[in-house]
Amino acid sequence: MSMNNYDLVKYVIESYDDKDILSDFKSRFVEGENISKDDYLNFCYEYISDCGDGYYIDLNWKYIISGGDESVFDEVG
């Protein structure tokens, strides 16, 4: 079963609670199409505020590729 990951990536981007980032996301990516890891990382790193955020960007990618399995966040800390 292979579903596109657009909605999961959008969910992660929405969690940043920043309308400008979300607007940029919607303008760059086609709704319903898969987003590659490289495209996701490149997009997120444009908005990164410090080195510590990289850990969470990578963790969010694990969440995305897991199909939305929130247990990936259990490894935090």
PDB file of N, CA and C in Angstrom:
ATOM      1  N   MET A   1       0.844  -1.182   0.000  1.00  0.00           N
ATOM      2  CA  MET A   1       0.000   0.000   0.000  1.00  0.00           C
ATOM      3  C   MET A   1       0.890   1.247   0.000  1.00  0.00           C
ATOM      4  N   SER A   2       0.767   2.023  -1.036  1.00  0.00           N
ATOM      5  CA  SER A   2       1.570   3.228  -1.136  1.00  0.00           C
ATOM      6  C   SER A   2       0.648   4.421  -1.301  1.00  0.00           C
ATOM      7  N   MET A   3       0.609   5.236  -0.283  1.00  0.00           N
ATOM      8  CA  MET A   3      -0.214   6.436  -0.386  1.00  0.00           C
ATOM      9  C   MET A   3       0.708   7.640  -0.451  1.00  0.00           C
ATOM     10  N   ASN A   4       0.199   8.737  -0.986  1.00  0.00           N
ATOM     11  CA  ASN A   4       1.065   9.904  -1.051  1.00  0.00           C
ATOM     12  C   ASN A   4       1.216  10.495   0.343  1.00  0.00           C
ATOM     13  N   ASN A   5       2.280  11.216   0.536  1.00  0.00           N
ATOM     14  CA  ASN A   5       2.591  11.748   1.858  1.00  0.00           C
ATOM     15  C   ASN A   5       2.257  13.233   1.991  1.00  0.00           C
ATOM     16  N   TYR A   6       1.623  13.805   0.980  1.00  0.00           N
ATOM     17  CA  TYR A   6       1.345  15.247   0.988  1.00  0.00           C
ATOM     18  C   TYR A   6       0.626  15.680   2.263  1.00  0.00           C
ATOM     19  N   ASP A   7      -0.435  14.957   2.626  1.00  0.00           N
ATOM     20  CA  ASP A   7      -1.228  15.362   3.789  1.00  0.00           C
ATOM     21  C   ASP A   7      -0.432  15.301   5.087  1.00  0.00           C
ATOM     22  N   LEU A   8       0.447  14.312   5.211  1.00  0.00           N
ATOM     23  CA  LEU A   8       1.271  14.217   6.422  1.00  0.00           C
ATOM     24  C   LEU A   8       2.299  15.348   6.473  1.00  0.00           C
ATOM     25  N   VAL A   9       2.899  15.654   5.327  1.00  0.00           N
ATOM     26  CA  VAL A   9       3.854  16.762   5.303  1.00  0.00           C
ATOM     27  C   VAL A   9       3.120  18.066   5.619  1.00  0.00           C
ATOM     28  N   LYS A  10       1.945  18.249   5.032  1.00  0.00           N
ATOM     29  CA  LYS A  10       1.155  19.454   5.299  1.00  0.00           C
ATOM     30  C   LYS A  10       0.807  19.542   6.787  1.00  0.00           C
ATOM     31  N   TYR A  11       0.460  18.419   7.388  1.00  0.00           N
ATOM     32  CA  TYR A  11       0.147  18.389   8.820  1.00  0.00           C
ATOM     33  C   TYR A  11       1.344  18.868   9.647  1.00  0.00           C
ATOM     34  N   VAL A  12       2.531  18.396   9.283  1.00  0.00           N
ATOM     35  CA  VAL A  12       3.746  18.808   9.992  1.00  0.00           C
ATOM     36  C   VAL A  12       3.979  20.307   9.801  1.00  0.00           C
ATOM     37  N   ILE A  13       3.835  20.784   8.577  1.00  0.00           N
ATOM     38  CA  ILE A  13       4.045  22.211   8.299  1.00  0.00           C
ATOM     39  C   ILE A  13       3.020  23.053   9.063  1.00  0.00           C
ATOM     40  N   GLU A  14       1.773  22.582   9.114  1.00  0.00           N
ATOM     41  CA  GLU A  14       0.740  23.305   9.864  1.00  0.00           C
ATOM     42  C   GLU A  14       1.074  23.375  11.350  1.00  0.00           C
ATOM     43  N   SER A  15       1.792  22.376  11.852  1.00  0.00           N
ATOM     44  CA  SER A  15       2.127  22.354  13.283  1.00  0.00           C
ATOM     45  C   SER A  15       3.076  23.491  13.663  1.00  0.00           C
ATOM     46  N   TYR A  16       3.742  24.084  12.684  1.00  0.00           N
ATOM     47  CA  TYR A  16       4.620  25.226  12.970  1.00  0.00           C
ATOM     48  C   TYR A  16       3.810  26.484  13.292  1.00  0.00           C
ATOM     49  N   ASP A  17       2.521  26.442  12.961  1.00  0.00           N
ATOM     50  CA  ASP A  17       1.606  27.541  13.280  1.00  0.00           C
ATOM     51  C   ASP A  17       2.107  28.881  12.742  1.00  0.00           C
ATOM     52  N   ASP A  18       2.522  28.859  11.470  1.00  0.00           N
ATOM     53  CA  ASP A  18       3.021  30.066  10.820  1.00  0.00           C
ATOM     54  C   ASP A  18       2.382  30.149   9.439  1.00  0.00           C
ATOM     55  N   LYS A  19       1.523  31.144   9.258  1.00  0.00           N
ATOM     56  CA  LYS A  19       0.767  31.252   8.009  1.00  0.00           C
ATOM     57  C   LYS A  19       1.663  31.472   6.798  1.00  0.00           C
ATOM     58  N   ASP A  20       2.777  32.186   6.971  1.00  0.00           N
ATOM     59  CA  ASP A  20       3.677  32.427   5.842  1.00  0.00           C
ATOM     60  C   ASP A  20       4.335  31.137   5.374  1.00  0.00           C
ATOM     61  N   ILE A  21       4.771  30.313   6.321  1.00  0.00           N
ATOM     62  CA  ILE A  21       5.385  29.031   5.962  1.00  0.00           C
ATOM     63  C   ILE A  21       4.355  28.145   5.270  1.00  0.00           C
ATOM     64  N   LEU A  22       3.142  28.086   5.812  1.00  0.00           N
ATOM     65  CA  LEU A  22       2.094  27.260   5.217  1.00  0.00           C
ATOM     66  C   LEU A  22       1.743  27.757   3.810  1.00  0.00           C
ATOM     67  N   SER A  23       1.660  29.054   3.635  1.00  0.00           N
ATOM     68  CA  SER A  23       1.356  29.619   2.322  1.00  0.00           C
ATOM     69  C   SER A  23       2.460  29.266   1.320  1.00  0.00           C
ATOM     70  N   ASP A  24       3.705  29.364   1.752  1.00  0.00           N
ATOM     71  CA  ASP A  24       4.835  29.006   0.896  1.00  0.00           C
ATOM     72  C   ASP A  24       4.768  27.519   0.536  1.00  0.00           C
ATOM     73  N   PHE A  25       4.458  26.692   1.521  1.00  0.00           N
ATOM     74  CA  PHE A  25       4.325  25.251   1.278  1.00  0.00           C
ATOM     75  C   PHE A  25       3.279  24.986   0.200  1.00  0.00           C
ATOM     76  N   LYS A  26       2.111  25.594   0.349  1.00  0.00           N
ATOM     77  CA  LYS A  26       1.017  25.369  -0.598  1.00  0.00           C
ATOM     78  C   LYS A  26       1.353  25.878  -1.995  1.00  0.00           C
ATOM     79  N   SER A  27       2.177  26.919  -2.084  1.00  0.00           N
ATOM     80  CA  SER A  27       2.534  27.450  -3.397  1.00  0.00           C
ATOM     81  C   SER A  27       3.602  26.607  -4.090  1.00  0.00           C
ATOM     82  N   ARG A  28       4.399  25.877  -3.322  1.00  0.00           N
ATOM     83  CA  ARG A  28       5.495  25.093  -3.898  1.00  0.00           C
ATOM     84  C   ARG A  28       5.135  23.656  -4.238  1.00  0.00           C
ATOM     85  N   PHE A  29       4.242  23.078  -3.459  1.00  0.00           N
ATOM     86  CA  PHE A  29       3.957  21.654  -3.623  1.00  0.00           C
ATOM     87  C   PHE A  29       2.543  21.448  -4.142  1.00  0.00           C
ATOM     88  N   VAL A  30       2.401  20.451  -5.008  1.00  0.00           N
ATOM     89  CA  VAL A  30       1.105  20.154  -5.615  1.00  0.00           C
ATOM     90  C   VAL A  30       0.320  19.254  -4.668  1.00  0.00           C
ATOM     91  N   GLU A  31      -0.892  19.691  -4.323  1.00  0.00           N
ATOM     92  CA  GLU A  31      -1.730  18.926  -3.405  1.00  0.00           C
ATOM     93  C   GLU A  31      -1.937  17.510  -3.927  1.00  0.00           C
ATOM     94  N   GLY A  32      -1.732  16.535  -3.043  1.00  0.00           N
ATOM     95  CA  GLY A  32      -1.963  15.144  -3.396  1.00  0.00           C
ATOM     96  C   GLY A  32      -0.771  14.435  -4.011  1.00  0.00           C
ATOM     97  N   GLU A  33       0.330  15.154  -4.237  1.00  0.00           N
ATOM     98  CA  GLU A  33       1.516  14.519  -4.812  1.00  0.00           C
ATOM     99  C   GLU A  33       2.563  14.266  -3.736  1.00  0.00           C
ATOM    100  N   ASN A  34       3.308  13.177  -3.923  1.00  0.00           N
ATOM    101  CA  ASN A  34       4.365  12.841  -2.982  1.00  0.00           C
ATOM    102  C   ASN A  34       5.417  13.938  -2.910  1.00  0.00           C
ATOM    103  N   ILE A  35       5.962  14.113  -1.734  1.00  0.00           N
ATOM    104  CA  ILE A  35       7.044  15.053  -1.497  1.00  0.00           C
ATOM    105  C   ILE A  35       8.260  14.245  -1.087  1.00  0.00           C
ATOM    106  N   SER A  36       9.362  14.458  -1.784  1.00  0.00           N
ATOM    107  CA  SER A  36      10.576  13.683  -1.494  1.00  0.00           C
ATOM    108  C   SER A  36      11.219  14.184  -0.203  1.00  0.00           C
ATOM    109  N   LYS A  37      12.052  13.331   0.351  1.00  0.00           N
ATOM    110  CA  LYS A  37      12.770  13.715   1.572  1.00  0.00           C
ATOM    111  C   LYS A  37      13.617  14.953   1.310  1.00  0.00           C
ATOM    112  N   ASP A  38      14.312  14.985   0.180  1.00  0.00           N
ATOM    113  CA  ASP A  38      15.160  16.137  -0.135  1.00  0.00           C
ATOM    114  C   ASP A  38      14.349  17.417  -0.235  1.00  0.00           C
ATOM    115  N   ASP A  39      13.197  17.347  -0.916  1.00  0.00           N
ATOM    116  CA  ASP A  39      12.359  18.536  -1.048  1.00  0.00           C
ATOM    117  C   ASP A  39      11.827  18.987   0.315  1.00  0.00           C
ATOM    118  N   TYR A  40      11.436  18.025   1.134  1.00  0.00           N
ATOM    119  CA  TYR A  40      10.953  18.340   2.491  1.00  0.00           C
ATOM    120  C   TYR A  40      12.059  19.003   3.309  1.00  0.00           C
ATOM    121  N   LEU A  41      13.244  18.395   3.315  1.00  0.00           N
ATOM    122  CA  LEU A  41      14.352  18.930   4.109  1.00  0.00           C
ATOM    123  C   LEU A  41      14.757  20.313   3.620  1.00  0.00           C
ATOM    124  N   ASN A  42      14.883  20.475   2.310  1.00  0.00           N
ATOM    125  CA  ASN A  42      15.274  21.770   1.760  1.00  0.00           C
ATOM    126  C   ASN A  42      14.266  22.849   2.149  1.00  0.00           C
ATOM    127  N   PHE A  43      12.984  22.509   2.081  1.00  0.00           N
ATOM    128  CA  PHE A  43      11.952  23.470   2.460  1.00  0.00           C
ATOM    129  C   PHE A  43      12.079  23.841   3.932  1.00  0.00           C
ATOM    130  N   CYS A  44      12.159  22.842   4.802  1.00  0.00           N
ATOM    131  CA  CYS A  44      12.217  23.107   6.245  1.00  0.00           C
ATOM    132  C   CYS A  44      13.467  23.875   6.637  1.00  0.00           C
ATOM    133  N   TYR A  45      14.603  23.517   6.022  1.00  0.00           N
ATOM    134  CA  TYR A  45      15.846  24.176   6.406  1.00  0.00           C
ATOM    135  C   TYR A  45      15.881  25.646   5.991  1.00  0.00           C
ATOM    136  N   GLU A  46      15.011  26.047   5.078  1.00  0.00           N
ATOM    137  CA  GLU A  46      14.916  27.480   4.755  1.00  0.00           C
ATOM    138  C   GLU A  46      14.383  28.268   5.945  1.00  0.00           C
ATOM    139  N   TYR A  47      13.627  27.597   6.806  1.00  0.00           N
ATOM    140  CA  TYR A  47      12.980  28.277   7.921  1.00  0.00           C
ATOM    141  C   TYR A  47      13.591  27.927   9.273  1.00  0.00           C
ATOM    142  N   ILE A  48      14.647  27.148   9.263  1.00  0.00           N
ATOM    143  CA  ILE A  48      15.230  26.673  10.516  1.00  0.00           C
ATOM    144  C   ILE A  48      15.751  27.861  11.338  1.00  0.00           C
ATOM    145  N   SER A  49      15.538  27.805  12.639  1.00  0.00           N
ATOM    146  CA  SER A  49      15.967  28.921  13.480  1.00  0.00           C
ATOM    147  C   SER A  49      17.275  28.623  14.215  1.00  0.00           C
ATOM    148  N   ASP A  50      17.534  27.360  14.482  1.00  0.00           N
ATOM    149  CA  ASP A  50      18.811  27.009  15.106  1.00  0.00           C
ATOM    150  C   ASP A  50      19.111  25.532  14.865  1.00  0.00           C
ATOM    151  N   CYS A  51      20.293  25.115  15.235  1.00  0.00           N
ATOM    152  CA  CYS A  51      20.735  23.751  14.959  1.00  0.00           C
ATOM    153  C   CYS A  51      19.839  22.698  15.597  1.00  0.00           C
ATOM    154  N   GLY A  52      19.295  22.975  16.763  1.00  0.00           N
ATOM    155  CA  GLY A  52      18.451  22.013  17.456  1.00  0.00           C
ATOM    156  C   GLY A  52      17.204  21.648  16.674  1.00  0.00           C
ATOM    157  N   ASP A  53      16.740  22.559  15.824  1.00  0.00           N
ATOM    158  CA  ASP A  53      15.539  22.273  15.043  1.00  0.00           C
ATOM    159  C   ASP A  53      15.762  21.145  14.040  1.00  0.00           C
ATOM    160  N   GLY A  54      16.994  20.962  13.608  1.00  0.00           N
ATOM    161  CA  GLY A  54      17.291  19.906  12.646  1.00  0.00           C
ATOM    162  C   GLY A  54      16.890  18.536  13.157  1.00  0.00           C
ATOM    163  N   TYR A  55      17.074  18.309  14.444  1.00  0.00           N
ATOM    164  CA  TYR A  55      16.679  17.035  15.048  1.00  0.00           C
ATOM    165  C   TYR A  55      15.188  16.799  14.857  1.00  0.00           C
ATOM    166  N   TYR A  56      14.387  17.839  15.101  1.00  0.00           N
ATOM    167  CA  TYR A  56      12.931  17.697  15.003  1.00  0.00           C
ATOM    168  C   TYR A  56      12.461  17.612  13.556  1.00  0.00           C
ATOM    169  N   ILE A  57      13.165  18.285  12.660  1.00  0.00           N
ATOM    170  CA  ILE A  57      12.832  18.161  11.238  1.00  0.00           C
ATOM    171  C   ILE A  57      13.038  16.721  10.796  1.00  0.00           C
ATOM    172  N   ASP A  58      14.159  16.121  11.204  1.00  0.00           N
ATOM    173  CA  ASP A  58      14.421  14.711  10.877  1.00  0.00           C
ATOM    174  C   ASP A  58      13.405  13.794  11.536  1.00  0.00           C
ATOM    175  N   LEU A  59      13.056  14.080  12.770  1.00  0.00           N
ATOM    176  CA  LEU A  59      12.074  13.263  13.485  1.00  0.00           C
ATOM    177  C   LEU A  59      10.708  13.359  12.802  1.00  0.00           C
ATOM    178  N   ASN A  60      10.344  14.547  12.372  1.00  0.00           N
ATOM    179  CA  ASN A  60       9.080  14.703  11.647  1.00  0.00           C
ATOM    180  C   ASN A  60       9.096  13.914  10.346  1.00  0.00           C
ATOM    181  N   TRP A  61      10.258  13.810   9.689  1.00  0.00           N
ATOM    182  CA  TRP A  61      10.328  13.004   8.467  1.00  0.00           C
ATOM    183  C   TRP A  61      10.063  11.531   8.795  1.00  0.00           C
ATOM    184  N   LYS A  62      10.595  11.060   9.923  1.00  0.00           N
ATOM    185  CA  LYS A  62      10.324   9.673  10.345  1.00  0.00           C
ATOM    186  C   LYS A  62       8.824   9.467  10.545  1.00  0.00           C
ATOM    187  N   TYR A  63       8.173  10.465  11.128  1.00  0.00           N
ATOM    188  CA  TYR A  63       6.708  10.417  11.312  1.00  0.00           C
ATOM    189  C   TYR A  63       6.015  10.338   9.950  1.00  0.00           C
ATOM    190  N   ILE A  64       6.465  11.143   9.011  1.00  0.00           N
ATOM    191  CA  ILE A  64       5.857  11.175   7.674  1.00  0.00           C
ATOM    192  C   ILE A  64       6.014   9.828   6.981  1.00  0.00           C
ATOM    193  N   ILE A  65       7.229   9.279   6.964  1.00  0.00           N
ATOM    194  CA  ILE A  65       7.431   8.014   6.249  1.00  0.00           C
ATOM    195  C   ILE A  65       6.814   6.824   6.975  1.00  0.00           C
ATOM    196  N   SER A  66       6.517   7.001   8.267  1.00  0.00           N
ATOM    197  CA  SER A  66       5.854   5.914   9.003  1.00  0.00           C
ATOM    198  C   SER A  66       4.363   5.873   8.695  1.00  0.00           C
ATOM    199  N   GLY A  67       3.881   6.872   7.961  1.00  0.00           N
ATOM    200  CA  GLY A  67       2.461   6.937   7.654  1.00  0.00           C
ATOM    201  C   GLY A  67       1.650   7.586   8.759  1.00  0.00           C
ATOM    202  N   GLY A  68       2.329   8.314   9.643  1.00  0.00           N
ATOM    203  CA  GLY A  68       1.628   9.022  10.707  1.00  0.00           C
ATOM    204  C   GLY A  68       1.660   8.316  12.047  1.00  0.00           C
ATOM    205  N   ASP A  69       2.647   7.448  12.235  1.00  0.00           N
ATOM    206  CA  ASP A  69       2.787   6.718  13.498  1.00  0.00           C
ATOM    207  C   ASP A  69       3.430   7.632  14.541  1.00  0.00           C
ATOM    208  N   GLU A  70       2.618   8.094  15.481  1.00  0.00           N
ATOM    209  CA  GLU A  70       3.116   9.042  16.477  1.00  0.00           C
ATOM    210  C   GLU A  70       4.095   8.426  17.464  1.00  0.00           C
ATOM    211  N   SER A  71       4.246   7.113  17.467  1.00  0.00           N
ATOM    212  CA  SER A  71       5.191   6.489  18.391  1.00  0.00           C
ATOM    213  C   SER A  71       6.630   6.888  18.066  1.00  0.00           C
ATOM    214  N   VAL A  72       6.893   7.398  16.861  1.00  0.00           N
ATOM    215  CA  VAL A  72       8.258   7.842  16.555  1.00  0.00           C
ATOM    216  C   VAL A  72       8.679   8.977  17.477  1.00  0.00           C
ATOM    217  N   PHE A  73       7.701   9.709  18.019  1.00  0.00           N
ATOM    218  CA  PHE A  73       8.017  10.800  18.922  1.00  0.00           C
ATOM    219  C   PHE A  73       8.362  10.330  20.325  1.00  0.00           C
ATOM    220  N   ASP A  74       8.125   9.047  20.607  1.00  0.00           N
ATOM    221  CA  ASP A  74       8.442   8.498  21.925  1.00  0.00           C
ATOM    222  C   ASP A  74       9.945   8.485  22.179  1.00  0.00           C
ATOM    223  N   GLU A  75      10.740   8.536  21.090  1.00  0.00           N
ATOM    224  CA  GLU A  75      12.182   8.481  21.272  1.00  0.00           C
ATOM    225  C   GLU A  75      12.781   9.849  21.609  1.00  0.00           C
ATOM    226  N   VAL A  76      11.952  10.869  21.685  1.00  0.00           N
ATOM    227  CA  VAL A  76      12.430  12.223  22.018  1.00  0.00           C
ATOM    228  C   VAL A  76      12.941  12.230  23.447  1.00  0.00           C
ATOM    229  N   GLY A  77      14.052  12.917  23.633  1.00  0.00           N
ATOM    230  CA  GLY A  77      14.573  13.098  24.986  1.00  0.00           C
ATOM    231  C   GLY A  77      15.553  12.056  25.313  1.00  0.00           C
TER     232      GLY A  77
END
